[in-house]
Protein backbone atom coordinates (compact mmCIF):
# COMPACT_ATOMS: atom_id res chain seq x y z
CA MET A 1 309.27 -167.73 112.33
CA ALA A 2 311.01 -170.20 110.21
CA ASP A 3 308.51 -169.31 107.35
CA ASP A 4 309.37 -165.28 108.03
CA ARG A 5 313.12 -166.19 107.74
CA ARG A 6 312.54 -167.91 104.38
CA ARG A 7 310.57 -165.04 102.90
CA THR A 8 313.20 -162.44 103.92
CA ALA A 9 316.40 -164.32 103.33
CA PRO A 10 318.24 -162.95 100.05
CA LEU A 11 317.01 -164.91 96.98
CA LEU A 12 320.26 -166.56 95.23
CA ARG A 13 318.60 -168.53 92.17
CA ARG A 14 320.46 -170.48 89.72
CA LEU A 15 319.66 -169.77 86.22
CA GLU A 16 319.78 -172.47 83.68
CA SER A 17 319.49 -170.76 80.36
CA TRP A 18 319.30 -167.14 79.23
CA GLN A 19 317.25 -168.02 76.56
CA GLY A 20 314.26 -165.59 76.08
CA ARG A 21 315.01 -163.71 79.23
CA ARG A 22 314.36 -160.00 79.10
CA VAL A 23 317.72 -158.03 80.01
CA TRP A 24 317.91 -154.01 80.59
CA LEU A 25 321.77 -153.51 80.43
CA ILE A 26 322.85 -149.88 81.40
CA GLY A 27 326.47 -148.79 80.52
CA ALA A 28 326.41 -150.89 77.47
CA SER A 29 328.18 -148.77 74.96
CA ASP A 30 331.59 -149.87 75.39
CA GLY A 31 334.04 -152.00 77.48
CA ILE A 32 332.64 -154.52 79.59
CA GLY A 33 328.74 -153.71 79.32
CA ARG A 34 329.24 -153.99 75.47
CA GLU A 35 330.93 -157.31 75.47
CA LEU A 36 328.42 -158.61 78.13
CA ALA A 37 325.36 -157.44 75.88
CA ARG A 38 327.13 -159.55 72.86
CA LEU A 39 327.33 -162.51 75.10
CA LEU A 40 323.75 -162.48 76.38
CA ALA A 41 322.44 -162.16 73.13
CA ALA A 42 324.39 -164.74 71.73
CA ASP A 43 323.35 -166.88 74.60
CA GLY A 44 319.49 -166.13 73.38
CA ALA A 45 318.51 -163.25 75.75
CA ARG A 46 316.59 -160.16 74.64
CA LEU A 47 318.52 -157.03 75.22
CA ALA A 48 317.58 -153.45 75.77
CA VAL A 49 320.60 -151.65 76.06
CA SER A 50 321.19 -148.09 77.43
CA ALA A 51 323.93 -145.52 77.47
CA ARG A 52 324.79 -141.79 77.06
CA ARG A 53 326.53 -142.16 73.76
CA VAL A 54 323.74 -142.60 71.12
CA ASP A 55 325.79 -143.53 68.10
CA GLU A 56 327.85 -146.21 69.93
CA LEU A 57 324.42 -147.53 71.43
CA GLU A 58 322.46 -147.78 68.31
CA ALA A 59 325.54 -149.53 66.58
CA LEU A 60 325.70 -152.03 69.27
CA ALA A 61 321.94 -152.29 69.12
CA ARG A 62 322.03 -153.34 65.42
CA ASP A 63 324.86 -155.77 66.14
CA LEU A 64 322.79 -157.67 68.46
CA GLY A 65 320.05 -158.18 66.09
CA PRO A 66 316.34 -156.84 65.29
CA GLU A 67 314.90 -157.52 68.50
CA ALA A 68 317.39 -155.36 70.46
CA LEU A 69 315.98 -152.17 71.71
CA ALA A 70 318.55 -149.13 72.24
CA LEU A 71 317.42 -146.65 75.08
CA PRO A 72 319.74 -143.85 75.11
CA VAL A 73 319.89 -142.71 78.91
CA ASP A 74 322.22 -140.61 81.30
CA ALA A 75 322.09 -142.58 84.67
CA THR A 76 322.13 -139.25 86.67
CA ASP A 77 318.81 -138.22 85.14
CA GLN A 78 315.72 -139.59 86.83
CA ALA A 79 313.30 -138.48 84.24
CA ALA A 80 315.30 -140.10 81.39
CA LEU A 81 315.59 -143.30 83.41
CA THR A 82 311.57 -143.22 83.97
CA THR A 83 310.90 -142.56 80.19
CA ALA A 84 313.49 -145.61 79.37
CA ALA A 85 311.55 -147.77 81.68
CA ALA A 86 308.42 -146.62 80.41
CA ARG A 87 309.47 -147.69 76.62
CA LEU A 88 310.45 -150.91 78.20
CA GLU A 89 307.09 -151.68 79.71
CA ALA A 90 305.36 -150.66 76.43
CA ALA A 91 307.54 -153.11 74.54
CA TRP A 92 307.86 -156.12 77.16
CA GLY A 93 305.54 -155.50 79.80
CA ALA A 94 308.42 -156.38 82.38
CA VAL A 95 312.01 -157.16 82.48
CA ASP A 96 313.75 -160.30 84.02
CA HIS A 97 317.38 -158.57 84.60
CA VAL A 98 318.47 -155.36 85.33
CA ILE A 99 322.04 -154.92 85.03
CA TYR A 100 323.83 -151.50 86.05
CA THR A 101 327.45 -151.44 84.38
CA ALA A 102 327.77 -147.49 83.86
CA GLY A 103 330.38 -145.69 85.58
CA VAL A 104 333.19 -143.03 85.34
CA TYR A 105 336.38 -143.02 86.89
CA TRP A 106 339.43 -140.53 87.13
CA PRO A 107 342.74 -141.69 89.14
CA MET A 108 342.86 -139.43 91.93
CA GLY A 109 345.51 -138.80 95.15
CA ILE A 110 345.30 -136.15 97.48
CA ASP A 111 347.98 -134.12 95.27
CA THR A 112 345.34 -133.97 92.28
CA PHE A 113 342.10 -133.99 94.20
CA ASP A 114 339.44 -132.66 92.34
CA VAL A 115 336.03 -132.33 94.25
CA GLU A 116 333.90 -131.92 91.34
CA LYS A 117 335.44 -134.79 89.57
CA ALA A 118 335.14 -137.21 92.90
CA ALA A 119 331.46 -136.06 93.36
CA LYS A 120 330.73 -136.74 89.77
CA MET A 121 332.11 -140.41 90.23
CA ILE A 122 329.80 -140.61 93.50
CA GLU A 123 326.88 -139.13 91.22
CA VAL A 124 327.30 -141.56 88.61
CA ASN A 125 328.73 -144.73 90.36
CA LEU A 126 326.84 -144.93 93.38
CA THR A 127 323.72 -142.33 92.98
CA GLY A 128 323.18 -144.04 89.52
CA GLY A 129 322.85 -147.26 90.97
CA LEU A 130 320.22 -145.84 93.09
CA ARG A 131 318.35 -144.08 90.13
CA VAL A 132 318.20 -147.16 88.07
CA THR A 133 317.02 -149.26 91.01
CA ALA A 134 314.18 -146.91 91.24
CA ALA A 135 313.05 -146.71 87.69
CA ALA A 136 313.51 -150.34 87.35
CA LEU A 137 311.79 -151.66 90.25
CA PRO A 138 308.27 -151.98 88.98
CA LEU A 139 309.41 -153.88 85.84
CA LEU A 140 311.26 -156.12 87.60
CA GLU A 141 308.56 -156.88 89.93
CA ARG A 142 306.35 -158.23 87.12
CA GLY A 143 309.47 -160.21 85.84
CA HIS A 144 310.11 -163.98 85.66
CA ALA A 145 312.29 -164.72 88.37
CA PRO A 146 313.91 -161.38 88.28
CA GLN A 147 317.21 -160.30 89.09
CA LEU A 148 319.02 -157.04 90.04
CA ALA A 149 323.24 -156.77 89.40
CA LEU A 150 325.07 -153.59 90.37
CA THR A 151 328.70 -153.37 89.22
CA ALA A 152 330.82 -152.03 91.75
CA SER A 153 334.78 -152.76 91.80
CA ALA A 154 337.53 -154.52 93.64
CA SER A 155 338.27 -151.15 95.04
CA ALA A 156 335.20 -151.38 97.18
CA TYR A 157 336.82 -153.78 99.64
CA ARG A 158 338.99 -151.49 101.63
CA GLY A 159 340.31 -147.76 101.14
CA LEU A 160 343.17 -147.84 98.51
CA PRO A 161 345.48 -145.16 97.47
CA ARG A 162 344.83 -143.11 94.51
CA ALA A 163 341.12 -143.90 94.42
CA ILE A 164 339.62 -140.85 96.13
CA GLY A 165 336.02 -140.65 95.08
CA TYR A 166 335.94 -143.79 93.06
CA GLY A 167 336.72 -146.19 96.02
CA ALA A 168 334.03 -144.59 98.12
CA SER A 169 331.50 -144.63 95.28
CA LYS A 170 332.06 -148.30 94.71
CA ALA A 171 332.01 -149.23 98.31
CA GLY A 172 328.81 -147.47 98.66
CA LEU A 173 327.36 -149.44 95.87
CA TYR A 174 328.48 -152.73 97.47
CA ASN A 175 326.87 -151.62 100.78
CA LEU A 176 323.70 -150.55 98.60
CA ALA A 177 323.67 -154.06 97.09
CA GLU A 178 323.99 -156.07 100.25
CA THR A 179 320.79 -153.90 101.72
CA LEU A 180 318.83 -154.48 98.60
CA ALA A 181 319.40 -158.22 98.70
CA VAL A 182 317.59 -158.23 101.90
CA GLU A 183 315.16 -155.58 101.20
CA LEU A 184 314.09 -156.83 97.95
CA ALA A 185 313.76 -160.79 98.69
CA PRO A 186 310.12 -160.42 100.03
CA ARG A 187 309.19 -158.91 96.49
CA GLY A 188 310.94 -161.85 94.85
CA ILE A 189 314.03 -159.85 93.43
CA ASP A 190 317.37 -161.35 93.23
CA VAL A 191 320.17 -159.07 93.98
CA ARG A 192 323.98 -159.44 93.02
CA VAL A 193 326.91 -157.35 93.30
CA ILE A 194 330.20 -157.68 90.77
CA ASN A 195 333.20 -156.68 91.61
CA PRO A 196 336.04 -156.89 88.90
CA GLY A 197 339.62 -156.35 89.30
CA PHE A 198 341.67 -154.69 86.45
CA VAL A 199 339.93 -154.83 83.08
CA ARG A 200 341.54 -153.33 79.93
CA THR A 201 339.02 -150.51 79.20
CA ARG A 202 339.34 -146.82 78.25
CA LEU A 203 339.12 -146.17 82.03
CA THR A 204 341.84 -148.15 83.04
CA ASP A 205 343.90 -146.71 80.03
CA MET A 206 343.99 -143.68 82.48
CA ASN A 207 346.16 -145.34 85.03
CA ASP A 208 349.90 -145.02 85.11
CA PHE A 209 350.82 -147.64 87.43
CA ARG A 210 351.00 -151.29 87.47
CA MET A 211 347.90 -153.19 87.26
CA PRO A 212 348.29 -156.85 88.40
CA ALA A 213 346.26 -159.58 86.81
CA MET A 214 344.85 -157.48 83.98
CA ILE A 215 342.22 -159.26 81.80
CA GLU A 216 340.34 -158.34 78.66
CA PRO A 217 336.58 -157.04 78.42
CA GLU A 218 335.69 -160.41 76.78
CA ALA A 219 337.04 -162.46 79.83
CA ALA A 220 335.27 -160.14 82.29
CA ALA A 221 332.05 -160.55 80.45
CA ARG A 222 332.09 -164.45 80.51
CA ALA A 223 332.85 -163.96 84.29
CA MET A 224 329.84 -161.71 84.72
CA ARG A 225 327.66 -163.97 82.85
CA ASP A 226 328.51 -167.09 84.54
CA GLY A 227 328.48 -165.31 88.04
CA LEU A 228 325.18 -164.13 87.51
CA ALA A 229 323.77 -167.54 86.39
CA SER A 230 325.21 -168.90 89.75
CA ARG A 231 324.14 -169.03 93.32
CA HIS A 232 326.73 -166.31 94.30
CA PHE A 233 325.64 -163.07 95.61
CA HIS A 234 329.27 -161.65 95.41
CA ILE A 235 330.83 -162.03 92.09
CA HIS A 236 334.52 -161.01 91.81
CA PHE A 237 337.15 -161.84 89.20
CA PRO A 238 340.06 -162.59 88.45
CA LYS A 239 340.07 -164.34 91.75
CA ARG A 240 343.90 -164.69 91.47
CA PHE A 241 343.79 -160.67 92.42
CA THR A 242 340.52 -160.17 93.95
CA GLY A 243 340.58 -162.85 96.30
CA LEU A 244 343.69 -161.26 98.01
CA LEU A 245 341.77 -158.02 98.21
CA VAL A 246 338.85 -160.03 99.98
CA ALA A 247 340.78 -161.57 102.51
CA ALA A 248 342.39 -158.33 103.04
CA ARG A 249 339.00 -157.35 104.57
CA LEU A 250 339.94 -159.40 107.59
CA LEU A 251 342.88 -157.40 108.33
CA PRO A 252 342.84 -155.22 111.34
CA SER A 253 343.07 -151.60 110.04
CA ARG A 254 346.24 -150.61 111.51
CA TRP A 255 347.60 -153.15 109.41
CA TRP A 256 345.87 -152.36 106.23
CA LEU A 257 346.80 -148.84 106.61
CA ALA A 258 350.38 -149.58 106.85
CA LEU A 259 350.18 -151.76 104.02
CA SER A 260 348.73 -148.97 102.10
CA ALA A 261 351.19 -146.50 102.84
CA ARG A 262 353.75 -149.08 101.47
CA MET A 263 351.76 -148.80 98.46
CA VAL A 264 352.03 -144.97 97.99
CA LYS A 265 355.65 -145.03 98.44
CA GLY A 266 356.23 -147.67 96.02
């Protein structure tokens, strides 16, 4: 029984160095993904970068160095993901890290509710994570101390005002990561979830409300890199903000809904 528990417990390996690690980063053309790609390349990792915007992706790959691979892909297209995975298999044989940072966002309350945009957020943010996982699993299973990381959001912790669609997609991704952490442990795959707070990107530029504890993409990338090398399943930052939302999960629903109502009023 003890041996069974050890085999099925989630894996949380500490990484001593990124040197030579084979990383497939999806959602790399701008924002946090782009800065993380640059940071990991500087640390000696081998990068394959994916995103929808081909020109920006190829420019990033050139900046990363001659060994970097540019694999244009839409995370909602399973066939394209399978093709990208096949290209990686031909080039590297396997991957050691798959990091999903792609996402779309529109701020949305009930007065601006757009079901098509809400469904698009769920398709990219949540279903995209599922599709990437399916395409990457064979490559990860052949990797060295492999790791899968899904980027959710601080909005995953509790229902937040003006986050229709987005909050649901990120909460689902958080739940998916928890499930995969247990399911993939027997296959030797370490799973992590990343919940950033407010990061200055083209997505947060759409918000018209005060965003506390805003950080720059470079700071977010450093927090992600360090978190992925640690033994923490749940990586969140900046903790002065996200720590409060983590604690809010312990509040009774009645209290949290009352607090949310005050946010809307504010």
